[in-house]
Amino acid sequence: MIIEGSELKTNAHALSGAELHNATIDNSVVFDNATIEDSEIDHSLIDCDARVKSAELDEALVGEPTQLISEERVADD
């Protein structure tokens, strides 16, 4: 398990092999080999091998091998 710049709050669990980078996890379970980056996860289940990046999730079920990646787009001048 890798936890960098992240916070596990109330009833939050990250199982072996999970990676959390700059994430806040509350009332949620992050399963084996899932990766969470730059995200806030609340009342959710993140399944094995799923990847979540730059997202705010509440009451979400993210199944294997889903990737949820939110990228901010910048308009060209």
C-alpha atoms as a PDB file:
ATOM      1  CA  MET A   1       0.000   0.000   0.000  1.00  0.00           C
ATOM      2  CA  ILE A   2       1.271   3.469  -0.906  1.00  0.00           C
ATOM      3  CA  ILE A   3      -0.188   6.550   0.793  1.00  0.00           C
ATOM      4  CA  GLU A   4       1.337   9.911  -0.195  1.00  0.00           C
ATOM      5  CA  GLY A   5      -0.155  13.263   0.798  1.00  0.00           C
ATOM      6  CA  SER A   6      -3.471  11.535   1.506  1.00  0.00           C
ATOM      7  CA  GLU A   7      -5.899  11.278   4.395  1.00  0.00           C
ATOM      8  CA  LEU A   8      -7.945   8.270   5.478  1.00  0.00           C
ATOM      9  CA  LYS A   9     -10.875   9.602   7.491  1.00  0.00           C
ATOM     10  CA  THR A  10     -13.756   7.899   9.349  1.00  0.00           C
ATOM     11  CA  ASN A  11     -14.449   4.306   8.273  1.00  0.00           C
ATOM     12  CA  ALA A  12     -11.994   4.548   5.381  1.00  0.00           C
ATOM     13  CA  HIS A  13     -10.072   1.446   4.337  1.00  0.00           C
ATOM     14  CA  ALA A  14      -7.348   0.958   1.740  1.00  0.00           C
ATOM     15  CA  LEU A  15      -6.463  -2.684   1.118  1.00  0.00           C
ATOM     16  CA  SER A  16      -3.050  -4.092   0.203  1.00  0.00           C
ATOM     17  CA  GLY A  17      -1.654  -2.838  -3.061  1.00  0.00           C
ATOM     18  CA  ALA A  18      -3.869   0.275  -3.112  1.00  0.00           C
ATOM     19  CA  GLU A  19      -2.190   3.558  -4.057  1.00  0.00           C
ATOM     20  CA  LEU A  20      -3.410   6.908  -2.731  1.00  0.00           C
ATOM     21  CA  HIS A  21      -1.757  10.106  -3.984  1.00  0.00           C
ATOM     22  CA  ASN A  22      -3.091  13.485  -2.754  1.00  0.00           C
ATOM     23  CA  ALA A  23      -6.472  11.943  -1.952  1.00  0.00           C
ATOM     24  CA  THR A  24      -9.048  12.206   0.817  1.00  0.00           C
ATOM     25  CA  ILE A  25     -10.979   9.012   1.531  1.00  0.00           C
ATOM     26  CA  ASP A  26     -13.991   9.035   3.895  1.00  0.00           C
ATOM     27  CA  ASN A  27     -16.500   6.251   4.660  1.00  0.00           C
ATOM     28  CA  SER A  28     -15.158   4.264   1.703  1.00  0.00           C
ATOM     29  CA  VAL A  29     -13.198   1.155   0.727  1.00  0.00           C
ATOM     30  CA  VAL A  30     -10.404   1.152  -1.838  1.00  0.00           C
ATOM     31  CA  PHE A  31      -9.655  -2.426  -2.915  1.00  0.00           C
ATOM     32  CA  ASP A  32      -6.398  -4.129  -3.945  1.00  0.00           C
ATOM     33  CA  ASN A  33      -4.318  -2.472  -6.668  1.00  0.00           C
ATOM     34  CA  ALA A  34      -6.708   0.473  -7.112  1.00  0.00           C
ATOM     35  CA  THR A  35      -5.124   3.897  -7.650  1.00  0.00           C
ATOM     36  CA  ILE A  36      -6.622   7.186  -6.444  1.00  0.00           C
ATOM     37  CA  GLU A  37      -4.936  10.475  -7.428  1.00  0.00           C
ATOM     38  CA  ASP A  38      -5.882  14.085  -6.638  1.00  0.00           C
ATOM     39  CA  SER A  39      -9.411  13.055  -5.620  1.00  0.00           C
ATOM     40  CA  GLU A  40     -11.999  13.170  -2.842  1.00  0.00           C
ATOM     41  CA  ILE A  41     -13.889   9.924  -2.273  1.00  0.00           C
ATOM     42  CA  ASP A  42     -16.861   9.653   0.128  1.00  0.00           C
ATOM     43  CA  HIS A  43     -19.318   6.794   0.793  1.00  0.00           C
ATOM     44  CA  SER A  44     -17.899   4.811  -2.126  1.00  0.00           C
ATOM     45  CA  LEU A  45     -16.401   1.474  -3.160  1.00  0.00           C
ATOM     46  CA  ILE A  46     -13.420   1.499  -5.511  1.00  0.00           C
ATOM     47  CA  ASP A  47     -12.850  -2.026  -6.876  1.00  0.00           C
ATOM     48  CA  CYS A  48      -9.591  -3.846  -7.646  1.00  0.00           C
ATOM     49  CA  ASP A  49      -7.448  -2.337 -10.412  1.00  0.00           C
ATOM     50  CA  ALA A  50      -9.703   0.732 -10.821  1.00  0.00           C
ATOM     51  CA  ARG A  51      -8.107   4.152 -11.351  1.00  0.00           C
ATOM     52  CA  VAL A  52      -9.623   7.460 -10.243  1.00  0.00           C
ATOM     53  CA  LYS A  53      -7.891  10.761 -11.006  1.00  0.00           C
ATOM     54  CA  SER A  54      -8.972  14.368 -10.343  1.00  0.00           C
ATOM     55  CA  ALA A  55     -12.497  13.411  -9.262  1.00  0.00           C
ATOM     56  CA  GLU A  56     -14.963  14.052  -6.446  1.00  0.00           C
ATOM     57  CA  LEU A  57     -17.079  10.947  -5.841  1.00  0.00           C
ATOM     58  CA  ASP A  58     -19.958  10.448  -3.398  1.00  0.00           C
ATOM     59  CA  GLU A  59     -21.905   7.170  -3.200  1.00  0.00           C
ATOM     60  CA  ALA A  60     -20.038   5.752  -6.195  1.00  0.00           C
ATOM     61  CA  LEU A  61     -19.324   2.156  -7.167  1.00  0.00           C
ATOM     62  CA  VAL A  62     -16.294   2.049  -9.437  1.00  0.00           C
ATOM     63  CA  GLY A  63     -15.804  -1.452 -10.820  1.00  0.00           C
ATOM     64  CA  GLU A  64     -12.786  -3.271 -12.151  1.00  0.00           C
ATOM     65  CA  PRO A  65     -11.000  -2.136 -14.393  1.00  0.00           C
ATOM     66  CA  THR A  66     -12.678   1.260 -14.763  1.00  0.00           C
ATOM     67  CA  GLN A  67     -10.686   4.476 -15.169  1.00  0.00           C
ATOM     68  CA  LEU A  68     -12.316   7.766 -14.158  1.00  0.00           C
ATOM     69  CA  ILE A  69     -10.090  10.650 -15.158  1.00  0.00           C
ATOM     70  CA  SER A  70     -11.268  14.250 -15.088  1.00  0.00           C
ATOM     71  CA  GLU A  71      -9.015  16.611 -16.987  1.00  0.00           C
ATOM     72  CA  GLU A  72      -9.439  20.360 -16.926  1.00  0.00           C
ATOM     73  CA  ARG A  73      -9.346  21.808 -20.423  1.00  0.00           C
ATOM     74  CA  VAL A  74      -7.836  25.207 -21.094  1.00  0.00           C
ATOM     75  CA  ALA A  75      -9.197  27.252 -24.016  1.00  0.00           C
ATOM     76  CA  ASP A  76      -6.701  28.364 -26.658  1.00  0.00           C
ATOM     77  CA  ASP A  77      -6.291  32.132 -26.965  1.00  0.00           C
END
